C-alpha atoms as a PDB file:
ATOM      1  CA  UNK A   1       0.165  -0.214  -0.062  1.00  0.00           C
ATOM      2  CA  UNK A   2       1.273   3.658  -0.940  1.00  0.00           C
ATOM      3  CA  UNK A   3       2.049   5.832   1.589  1.00  0.00           C
ATOM      4  CA  UNK A   4      -0.008   8.493   0.936  1.00  0.00           C
ATOM      5  CA  UNK A   5      -3.122   5.796   0.330  1.00  0.00           C
ATOM      6  CA  UNK A   6      -2.079   4.468   3.613  1.00  0.00           C
ATOM      7  CA  UNK A   7      -2.037   7.974   5.343  1.00  0.00           C
ATOM      8  CA  UNK A   8      -5.733   8.998   3.945  1.00  0.00           C
ATOM      9  CA  UNK A   9      -6.884   5.615   5.194  1.00  0.00           C
ATOM     10  CA  UNK A  10      -5.530   6.395   8.580  1.00  0.00           C
ATOM     11  CA  UNK A  11      -6.279   9.941   8.416  1.00  0.00           C
ATOM     12  CA  UNK A  12     -10.444   8.069   7.417  1.00  0.00           C
ATOM     13  CA  UNK A  13      -9.844   5.805  10.548  1.00  0.00           C
ATOM     14  CA  UNK A  14      -9.078   8.158  13.062  1.00  0.00           C
ATOM     15  CA  UNK A  15     -12.495  10.690  12.143  1.00  0.00           C
ATOM     16  CA  UNK A  16     -14.081   7.792  12.157  1.00  0.00           C
ATOM     17  CA  UNK A  17     -12.967   6.867  15.724  1.00  0.00           C
ATOM     18  CA  UNK A  18     -13.710  10.588  16.984  1.00  0.00           C
ATOM     19  CA  UNK A  19     -16.548  10.580  15.506  1.00  0.00           C
ATOM     20  CA  UNK A  20     -17.825   7.588  17.652  1.00  0.00           C
ATOM     21  CA  UNK A  21     -16.138   8.656  20.947  1.00  0.00           C
ATOM     22  CA  UNK A  22     -16.863  12.520  20.794  1.00  0.00           C
ATOM     23  CA  UNK A  23     -20.150  12.703  22.049  1.00  0.00           C
ATOM     24  CA  UNK A  24     -19.000  10.157  25.152  1.00  0.00           C
ATOM     25  CA  UNK A  25     -15.888  12.800  26.090  1.00  0.00           C
ATOM     26  CA  UNK A  26     -18.728  15.272  25.901  1.00  0.00           C
ATOM     27  CA  UNK A  27     -20.747  13.688  28.216  1.00  0.00           C
ATOM     28  CA  UNK A  28     -17.808  13.084  30.565  1.00  0.00           C
ATOM     29  CA  UNK A  29     -16.609  16.317  30.503  1.00  0.00           C
ATOM     30  CA  UNK A  30     -19.789  17.690  30.999  1.00  0.00           C
ATOM     31  CA  UNK A  31     -20.360  16.363  34.067  1.00  0.00           C
ATOM     32  CA  UNK A  32     -17.009  18.484  35.523  1.00  0.00           C
ATOM     33  CA  UNK A  33     -18.774  21.717  34.374  1.00  0.00           C
ATOM     34  CA  UNK A  34     -20.925  24.530  36.447  1.00  0.00           C
ATOM     35  CA  UNK A  35     -24.957  24.623  34.553  1.00  0.00           C
ATOM     36  CA  UNK A  36     -23.533  27.674  32.268  1.00  0.00           C
ATOM     37  CA  UNK A  37     -20.893  26.020  30.563  1.00  0.00           C
ATOM     38  CA  UNK A  38     -23.255  22.939  30.029  1.00  0.00           C
ATOM     39  CA  UNK A  39     -24.172  23.643  26.567  1.00  0.00           C
ATOM     40  CA  UNK A  40     -20.636  24.219  25.051  1.00  0.00           C
ATOM     41  CA  UNK A  41     -18.922  21.735  22.717  1.00  0.00           C
ATOM     42  CA  UNK A  42     -15.499  22.287  23.920  1.00  0.00           C
ATOM     43  CA  UNK A  43     -14.214  18.882  26.209  1.00  0.00           C
ATOM     44  CA  UNK A  44     -12.002  21.323  28.772  1.00  0.00           C
ATOM     45  CA  UNK A  45     -14.044  23.148  31.080  1.00  0.00           C
ATOM     46  CA  UNK A  46     -12.943  26.578  32.306  1.00  0.00           C
ATOM     47  CA  UNK A  47     -13.754  25.584  35.816  1.00  0.00           C
ATOM     48  CA  UNK A  48     -14.036  22.267  36.738  1.00  0.00           C
ATOM     49  CA  UNK A  49     -16.349  21.043  39.836  1.00  0.00           C
ATOM     50  CA  UNK A  50     -18.081  18.222  40.951  1.00  0.00           C
ATOM     51  CA  UNK A  51     -21.136  19.566  42.275  1.00  0.00           C
ATOM     52  CA  UNK A  52     -22.765  17.653  39.803  1.00  0.00           C
ATOM     53  CA  UNK A  53     -21.916  14.466  41.079  1.00  0.00           C
ATOM     54  CA  UNK A  54     -22.559  16.142  44.639  1.00  0.00           C
ATOM     55  CA  UNK A  55     -26.055  17.038  43.856  1.00  0.00           C
ATOM     56  CA  UNK A  56     -26.850  13.746  42.065  1.00  0.00           C
ATOM     57  CA  UNK A  57     -25.532  11.591  45.126  1.00  0.00           C
ATOM     58  CA  UNK A  58     -27.608  13.458  47.628  1.00  0.00           C
ATOM     59  CA  UNK A  59     -30.813  13.877  45.748  1.00  0.00           C
ATOM     60  CA  UNK A  60     -31.011  10.028  45.294  1.00  0.00           C
ATOM     61  CA  UNK A  61     -29.938   6.670  46.722  1.00  0.00           C
ATOM     62  CA  UNK A  62     -27.495   6.133  43.597  1.00  0.00           C
ATOM     63  CA  UNK A  63     -24.998   4.230  45.952  1.00  0.00           C
ATOM     64  CA  UNK A  64     -27.365   1.449  47.013  1.00  0.00           C
ATOM     65  CA  UNK A  65     -29.488   1.417  43.498  1.00  0.00           C
ATOM     66  CA  UNK A  66     -25.298   1.316  41.989  1.00  0.00           C
ATOM     67  CA  UNK A  67     -24.727  -1.950  44.623  1.00  0.00           C
ATOM     68  CA  UNK A  68     -28.341  -3.208  43.676  1.00  0.00           C
ATOM     69  CA  UNK A  69     -27.446  -3.225  39.863  1.00  0.00           C
ATOM     70  CA  UNK A  70     -23.728  -4.725  40.847  1.00  0.00           C
ATOM     71  CA  UNK A  71     -25.499  -7.376  42.478  1.00  0.00           C
ATOM     72  CA  UNK A  72     -28.146  -8.440  40.274  1.00  0.00           C
ATOM     73  CA  UNK A  73     -26.229  -8.383  36.749  1.00  0.00           C
ATOM     74  CA  UNK A  74     -23.371 -10.228  38.699  1.00  0.00           C
ATOM     75  CA  UNK A  75     -25.844 -13.180  39.793  1.00  0.00           C
ATOM     76  CA  UNK A  76     -27.325 -13.459  36.322  1.00  0.00           C
ATOM     77  CA  UNK A  77     -24.149 -13.184  34.375  1.00  0.00           C
ATOM     78  CA  UNK A  78     -22.521 -16.051  36.884  1.00  0.00           C
ATOM     79  CA  UNK A  79     -26.437 -17.923  36.448  1.00  0.00           C
ATOM     80  CA  UNK A  80     -26.271 -17.799  32.971  1.00  0.00           C
ATOM     81  CA  UNK A  81     -22.618 -19.004  32.544  1.00  0.00           C
ATOM     82  CA  UNK A  82     -23.108 -21.810  34.931  1.00  0.00           C
ATOM     83  CA  UNK A  83     -26.375 -23.074  34.349  1.00  0.00           C
ATOM     84  CA  UNK A  84     -26.088 -22.217  30.558  1.00  0.00           C
ATOM     85  CA  UNK A  85     -23.079 -24.361  29.654  1.00  0.00           C
ATOM     86  CA  UNK A  86     -24.324 -27.225  31.502  1.00  0.00           C
ATOM     87  CA  UNK A  87     -27.029 -27.251  28.918  1.00  0.00           C
ATOM     88  CA  UNK A  88     -25.167 -26.275  26.203  1.00  0.00           C
ATOM     89  CA  UNK A  89     -23.096 -29.198  27.292  1.00  0.00           C
ATOM     90  CA  UNK A  90     -26.286 -31.661  27.119  1.00  0.00           C
ATOM     91  CA  UNK A  91     -27.337 -30.409  24.384  1.00  0.00           C
ATOM     92  CA  UNK A  92     -23.574 -30.434  22.792  1.00  0.00           C
ATOM     93  CA  UNK A  93     -22.240 -34.037  24.203  1.00  0.00           C
ATOM     94  CA  UNK A  94     -25.107 -35.775  25.517  1.00  0.00           C
ATOM     95  CA  UNK A  95     -27.661 -38.586  24.297  1.00  0.00           C
ATOM     96  CA  UNK A  96     -31.129 -38.658  25.931  1.00  0.00           C
ATOM     97  CA  UNK A  97     -34.229 -38.592  24.496  1.00  0.00           C
ATOM     98  CA  UNK A  98     -36.067 -35.349  23.678  1.00  0.00           C
ATOM     99  CA  UNK A  99     -32.951 -33.663  22.772  1.00  0.00           C
ATOM    100  CA  UNK A 100     -33.690 -32.762  19.492  1.00  0.00           C
ATOM    101  CA  UNK A 101     -36.942 -31.383  20.760  1.00  0.00           C
ATOM    102  CA  UNK A 102     -34.992 -29.328  23.202  1.00  0.00           C
ATOM    103  CA  UNK A 103     -32.904 -28.256  20.465  1.00  0.00           C
ATOM    104  CA  UNK A 104     -36.010 -26.974  18.135  1.00  0.00           C
ATOM    105  CA  UNK A 105     -37.611 -25.411  21.524  1.00  0.00           C
ATOM    106  CA  UNK A 106     -34.492 -23.205  22.221  1.00  0.00           C
ATOM    107  CA  UNK A 107     -34.006 -21.779  18.407  1.00  0.00           C
ATOM    108  CA  UNK A 108     -37.738 -21.115  19.087  1.00  0.00           C
ATOM    109  CA  UNK A 109     -37.752 -19.419  22.287  1.00  0.00           C
ATOM    110  CA  UNK A 110     -35.340 -16.415  20.108  1.00  0.00           C
ATOM    111  CA  UNK A 111     -38.176 -16.206  18.105  1.00  0.00           C
ATOM    112  CA  UNK A 112     -40.203 -15.083  20.646  1.00  0.00           C
ATOM    113  CA  UNK A 113     -40.526 -11.486  21.762  1.00  0.00           C
ATOM    114  CA  UNK A 114     -39.650 -10.294  24.850  1.00  0.00           C
ATOM    115  CA  UNK A 115     -42.513  -8.324  25.073  1.00  0.00           C
ATOM    116  CA  UNK A 116     -44.991 -10.720  24.368  1.00  0.00           C
ATOM    117  CA  UNK A 117     -44.094 -12.366  27.696  1.00  0.00           C
ATOM    118  CA  UNK A 118     -43.943  -9.734  29.958  1.00  0.00           C
ATOM    119  CA  UNK A 119     -47.349  -9.622  31.390  1.00  0.00           C
ATOM    120  CA  UNK A 120     -47.726 -13.438  31.575  1.00  0.00           C
ATOM    121  CA  UNK A 121     -44.246 -13.185  33.847  1.00  0.00           C
ATOM    122  CA  UNK A 122     -45.693 -10.422  35.689  1.00  0.00           C
ATOM    123  CA  UNK A 123     -48.969 -12.374  36.818  1.00  0.00           C
ATOM    124  CA  UNK A 124     -46.684 -14.783  37.706  1.00  0.00           C
ATOM    125  CA  UNK A 125     -44.709 -12.995  40.307  1.00  0.00           C
ATOM    126  CA  UNK A 126     -47.380 -11.520  41.360  1.00  0.00           C
ATOM    127  CA  UNK A 127     -48.666 -14.619  42.358  1.00  0.00           C
ATOM    128  CA  UNK A 128     -45.519 -16.047  43.625  1.00  0.00           C
ATOM    129  CA  UNK A 129     -45.422 -13.238  46.074  1.00  0.00           C
ATOM    130  CA  UNK A 130     -41.777 -11.805  44.846  1.00  0.00           C
ATOM    131  CA  UNK A 131     -43.240  -8.016  43.810  1.00  0.00           C
ATOM    132  CA  UNK A 132     -40.442  -5.739  45.824  1.00  0.00           C
ATOM    133  CA  UNK A 133     -37.643  -8.521  45.808  1.00  0.00           C
ATOM    134  CA  UNK A 134     -34.152  -9.458  44.455  1.00  0.00           C
ATOM    135  CA  UNK A 135     -36.050 -12.945  43.437  1.00  0.00           C
ATOM    136  CA  UNK A 136     -37.922 -10.773  40.782  1.00  0.00           C
ATOM    137  CA  UNK A 137     -35.260  -9.103  39.299  1.00  0.00           C
ATOM    138  CA  UNK A 138     -32.704 -12.254  39.420  1.00  0.00           C
ATOM    139  CA  UNK A 139     -35.107 -15.517  38.305  1.00  0.00           C
ATOM    140  CA  UNK A 140     -36.402 -14.543  34.866  1.00  0.00           C
ATOM    141  CA  UNK A 141     -32.843 -14.374  33.750  1.00  0.00           C
ATOM    142  CA  UNK A 142     -30.793 -17.172  34.848  1.00  0.00           C
ATOM    143  CA  UNK A 143     -31.512 -18.898  31.127  1.00  0.00           C
ATOM    144  CA  UNK A 144     -30.741 -17.292  28.443  1.00  0.00           C
ATOM    145  CA  UNK A 145     -30.845 -19.306  24.731  1.00  0.00           C
ATOM    146  CA  UNK A 146     -28.983 -16.837  23.108  1.00  0.00           C
ATOM    147  CA  UNK A 147     -26.259 -17.772  25.322  1.00  0.00           C
ATOM    148  CA  UNK A 148     -26.695 -21.684  25.318  1.00  0.00           C
ATOM    149  CA  UNK A 149     -26.611 -21.616  21.701  1.00  0.00           C
ATOM    150  CA  UNK A 150     -23.743 -20.072  21.064  1.00  0.00           C
ATOM    151  CA  UNK A 151     -21.639 -22.225  23.784  1.00  0.00           C
ATOM    152  CA  UNK A 152     -23.623 -25.644  22.254  1.00  0.00           C
ATOM    153  CA  UNK A 153     -22.551 -24.297  18.764  1.00  0.00           C
ATOM    154  CA  UNK A 154     -18.623 -24.252  20.730  1.00  0.00           C
ATOM    155  CA  UNK A 155     -18.571 -26.817  22.665  1.00  0.00           C
ATOM    156  CA  UNK A 156     -19.838 -29.313  19.554  1.00  0.00           C
ATOM    157  CA  UNK A 157     -15.876 -28.144  17.876  1.00  0.00           C
ATOM    158  CA  UNK A 158     -14.060 -29.977  20.589  1.00  0.00           C
ATOM    159  CA  UNK A 159     -12.984 -33.495  20.046  1.00  0.00           C
ATOM    160  CA  UNK A 160     -14.723 -36.516  20.836  1.00  0.00           C
ATOM    161  CA  UNK A 161     -11.481 -38.350  21.513  1.00  0.00           C
ATOM    162  CA  UNK A 162     -10.677 -35.630  24.133  1.00  0.00           C
ATOM    163  CA  UNK A 163     -14.263 -36.304  26.079  1.00  0.00           C
ATOM    164  CA  UNK A 164     -13.301 -40.073  25.647  1.00  0.00           C
ATOM    165  CA  UNK A 165      -9.760 -39.640  26.977  1.00  0.00           C
ATOM    166  CA  UNK A 166     -11.183 -38.270  30.037  1.00  0.00           C
ATOM    167  CA  UNK A 167     -14.453 -40.433  30.411  1.00  0.00           C
ATOM    168  CA  UNK A 168     -11.866 -43.164  30.516  1.00  0.00           C
ATOM    169  CA  UNK A 169      -9.868 -41.715  33.067  1.00  0.00           C
ATOM    170  CA  UNK A 170     -12.733 -41.909  35.195  1.00  0.00           C
ATOM    171  CA  UNK A 171     -14.176 -38.165  34.929  1.00  0.00           C
ATOM    172  CA  UNK A 172     -17.998 -37.208  35.304  1.00  0.00           C
ATOM    173  CA  UNK A 173     -19.452 -35.119  33.326  1.00  0.00           C
ATOM    174  CA  UNK A 174     -19.647 -31.911  35.698  1.00  0.00           C
ATOM    175  CA  UNK A 175     -15.990 -32.127  35.690  1.00  0.00           C
ATOM    176  CA  UNK A 176     -15.076 -32.432  32.407  1.00  0.00           C
ATOM    177  CA  UNK A 177     -17.487 -29.371  31.426  1.00  0.00           C
ATOM    178  CA  UNK A 178     -15.474 -27.203  34.265  1.00  0.00           C
ATOM    179  CA  UNK A 179     -12.130 -28.734  33.740  1.00  0.00           C
ATOM    180  CA  UNK A 180     -11.769 -29.297  30.403  1.00  0.00           C
ATOM    181  CA  UNK A 181     -14.545 -27.178  28.425  1.00  0.00           C
ATOM    182  CA  UNK A 182     -14.404 -24.211  30.233  1.00  0.00           C
ATOM    183  CA  UNK A 183     -10.583 -23.514  29.709  1.00  0.00           C
ATOM    184  CA  UNK A 184     -11.074 -24.467  26.264  1.00  0.00           C
ATOM    185  CA  UNK A 185     -14.185 -21.786  25.782  1.00  0.00           C
ATOM    186  CA  UNK A 186     -12.643 -18.750  28.032  1.00  0.00           C
ATOM    187  CA  UNK A 187     -13.467 -16.521  24.067  1.00  0.00           C
ATOM    188  CA  UNK A 188     -16.851 -17.921  24.261  1.00  0.00           C
ATOM    189  CA  UNK A 189     -17.798 -17.647  27.807  1.00  0.00           C
ATOM    190  CA  UNK A 190     -16.198 -14.102  27.870  1.00  0.00           C
ATOM    191  CA  UNK A 191     -18.665 -12.996  24.705  1.00  0.00           C
ATOM    192  CA  UNK A 192     -21.681 -14.451  26.441  1.00  0.00           C
ATOM    193  CA  UNK A 193     -20.481 -12.883  30.067  1.00  0.00           C
ATOM    194  CA  UNK A 194     -20.695  -9.154  28.502  1.00  0.00           C
ATOM    195  CA  UNK A 195     -23.517  -9.399  26.817  1.00  0.00           C
ATOM    196  CA  UNK A 196     -25.277 -10.812  29.417  1.00  0.00           C
ATOM    197  CA  UNK A 197     -23.662  -8.427  31.521  1.00  0.00           C
ATOM    198  CA  UNK A 198     -24.631  -5.533  29.706  1.00  0.00           C
ATOM    199  CA  UNK A 199     -28.048  -6.569  28.672  1.00  0.00           C
ATOM    200  CA  UNK A 200     -28.926  -6.841  32.650  1.00  0.00           C
ATOM    201  CA  UNK A 201     -27.354  -4.040  33.858  1.00  0.00           C
ATOM    202  CA  UNK A 202     -29.366  -1.994  31.153  1.00  0.00           C
ATOM    203  CA  UNK A 203     -32.305  -3.291  31.562  1.00  0.00           C
ATOM    204  CA  UNK A 204     -34.997  -0.365  32.822  1.00  0.00           C
ATOM    205  CA  UNK A 205     -38.731  -1.791  31.633  1.00  0.00           C
ATOM    206  CA  UNK A 206     -38.493  -5.019  33.958  1.00  0.00           C
ATOM    207  CA  UNK A 207     -37.253  -3.198  36.993  1.00  0.00           C
ATOM    208  CA  UNK A 208     -39.782  -0.849  36.228  1.00  0.00           C
ATOM    209  CA  UNK A 209     -42.809  -3.359  36.753  1.00  0.00           C
ATOM    210  CA  UNK A 210     -41.828  -5.529  39.859  1.00  0.00           C
ATOM    211  CA  UNK A 211     -40.128  -3.214  42.044  1.00  0.00           C
ATOM    212  CA  UNK A 212     -41.279  -0.077  43.794  1.00  0.00           C
ATOM    213  CA  UNK A 213     -39.379  -0.112  46.645  1.00  0.00           C
ATOM    214  CA  UNK A 214     -36.848   2.741  45.985  1.00  0.00           C
ATOM    215  CA  UNK A 215     -33.585   1.217  48.240  1.00  0.00           C
ATOM    216  CA  UNK A 216     -34.517  -1.745  46.036  1.00  0.00           C
ATOM    217  CA  UNK A 217     -34.094   0.111  42.722  1.00  0.00           C
ATOM    218  CA  UNK A 218     -31.087  -0.812  39.595  1.00  0.00           C
ATOM    219  CA  UNK A 219     -29.183   2.184  38.892  1.00  0.00           C
ATOM    220  CA  UNK A 220     -30.715   2.252  35.282  1.00  0.00           C
ATOM    221  CA  UNK A 221     -34.497   2.201  37.084  1.00  0.00           C
ATOM    222  CA  UNK A 222     -33.185   4.941  39.622  1.00  0.00           C
ATOM    223  CA  UNK A 223     -31.943   6.912  36.595  1.00  0.00           C
ATOM    224  CA  UNK A 224     -35.102   6.631  34.850  1.00  0.00           C
ATOM    225  CA  UNK A 225     -37.654   8.164  37.619  1.00  0.00           C
ATOM    226  CA  UNK A 226     -35.101  10.120  38.492  1.00  0.00           C
ATOM    227  CA  UNK A 227     -34.892  12.359  35.182  1.00  0.00           C
ATOM    228  CA  UNK A 228     -38.463  11.561  34.247  1.00  0.00           C
ATOM    229  CA  UNK A 229     -39.348  12.657  38.204  1.00  0.00           C
ATOM    230  CA  UNK A 230     -37.358  15.954  37.441  1.00  0.00           C
ATOM    231  CA  UNK A 231     -35.106  15.304  40.571  1.00  0.00           C
ATOM    232  CA  UNK A 232     -32.348  15.809  38.000  1.00  0.00           C
ATOM    233  CA  UNK A 233     -33.001  19.371  37.591  1.00  0.00           C
ATOM    234  CA  UNK A 234     -30.202  20.393  35.484  1.00  0.00           C
ATOM    235  CA  UNK A 235     -28.725  18.614  32.641  1.00  0.00           C
ATOM    236  CA  UNK A 236     -24.970  18.147  34.431  1.00  0.00           C
ATOM    237  CA  UNK A 237     -26.725  16.346  37.554  1.00  0.00           C
ATOM    238  CA  UNK A 238     -28.109  13.859  34.402  1.00  0.00           C
ATOM    239  CA  UNK A 239     -25.160  13.443  32.574  1.00  0.00           C
ATOM    240  CA  UNK A 240     -23.249  12.678  35.811  1.00  0.00           C
ATOM    241  CA  UNK A 241     -26.140  10.223  37.082  1.00  0.00           C
ATOM    242  CA  UNK A 242     -25.564   8.587  33.380  1.00  0.00           C
ATOM    243  CA  UNK A 243     -21.619   8.725  33.895  1.00  0.00           C
ATOM    244  CA  UNK A 244     -22.348   6.511  36.521  1.00  0.00           C
ATOM    245  CA  UNK A 245     -24.541   4.024  35.054  1.00  0.00           C
ATOM    246  CA  UNK A 246     -22.014   3.761  32.021  1.00  0.00           C
ATOM    247  CA  UNK A 247     -18.479   3.252  33.925  1.00  0.00           C
ATOM    248  CA  UNK A 248     -18.754   0.339  35.569  1.00  0.00           C
ATOM    249  CA  UNK A 249     -19.958  -1.482  31.892  1.00  0.00           C
ATOM    250  CA  UNK A 250     -16.664   0.170  30.239  1.00  0.00           C
ATOM    251  CA  UNK A 251     -14.928  -1.395  32.945  1.00  0.00           C
ATOM    252  CA  UNK A 252     -15.875  -4.946  32.566  1.00  0.00           C
ATOM    253  CA  UNK A 253     -15.101  -4.560  28.809  1.00  0.00           C
ATOM    254  CA  UNK A 254     -11.384  -3.713  29.610  1.00  0.00           C
ATOM    255  CA  UNK A 255     -11.071  -6.611  31.819  1.00  0.00           C
ATOM    256  CA  UNK A 256     -12.497  -8.938  28.789  1.00  0.00           C
ATOM    257  CA  UNK A 257     -11.928  -7.193  25.894  1.00  0.00           C
ATOM    258  CA  UNK A 258      -9.229  -9.652  25.166  1.00  0.00           C
ATOM    259  CA  UNK A 259     -11.403 -12.164  25.187  1.00  0.00           C
ATOM    260  CA  UNK A 260     -13.605 -11.042  23.031  1.00  0.00           C
ATOM    261  CA  UNK A 261     -11.480 -10.005  20.447  1.00  0.00           C
ATOM    262  CA  UNK A 262     -10.361 -13.776  20.545  1.00  0.00           C
ATOM    263  CA  UNK A 263     -14.037 -14.729  19.865  1.00  0.00           C
ATOM    264  CA  UNK A 264     -14.212 -12.566  17.105  1.00  0.00           C
ATOM    265  CA  UNK A 265     -11.693 -13.476  15.587  1.00  0.00           C
ATOM    266  CA  UNK A 266     -11.856 -17.293  15.943  1.00  0.00           C
ATOM    267  CA  UNK A 267     -15.332 -17.302  14.356  1.00  0.00           C
ATOM    268  CA  UNK A 268     -14.076 -17.100  11.070  1.00  0.00           C
ATOM    269  CA  UNK A 269     -11.775 -19.408  11.546  1.00  0.00           C
ATOM    270  CA  UNK A 270     -11.828 -23.308  10.419  1.00  0.00           C
ATOM    271  CA  UNK A 271     -10.361 -25.962  12.064  1.00  0.00           C
END
């Protein structure tokens, strides 16, 4: 590639990257600006202040909501990884009556919009007496059809001879799963963990339906109530609350990005 063409390509990629990252940088810098300066497009505030964060923390229990979101999202992610990998292993490597039916049903679940199940699921939660509990936030998301199918597809690529050797050594199915399959499936597990954590972390509609106690609200739910109820007052305070919601997801991605990239790169490799 000629130097001029390469320079033009890098310039175009840099411009595209700035286009995507500028709104986030502007939001981060605006949280550190006084109210009269928030409307400017400058990224560096003239008068640096943390007043927006102080007002945000004083007007609503964002600290408790942050802990609630961490607990709920982490529990859901861990459950999806454990239960989903067990289900995927059974569907990929075990022979039992109804396995094909289970595969078809799992595929069919992906075709059903989540909005269609909200009313029957909410009715079930009410009848079980789980309103205003962590159980209502966690139990409906313990299984994830997308995660099961992704892990199943990855498990099918592991050589059967490796499993047969482990069984000859006296290893049980669960031990094979967690000591052999999990280390080999780290990229797939990482991508499932990222998408599951992000999905549960950003969920708003379901918590709004089943939780009314402010002490049990997740961060996205409290942020929605905070902004729609006029609690923010100013744009800077609203952006500060949004930053508290975004930062944990960015941190989680930074820790898992290597496995995420490995999974994406390996998706197109055969053999």
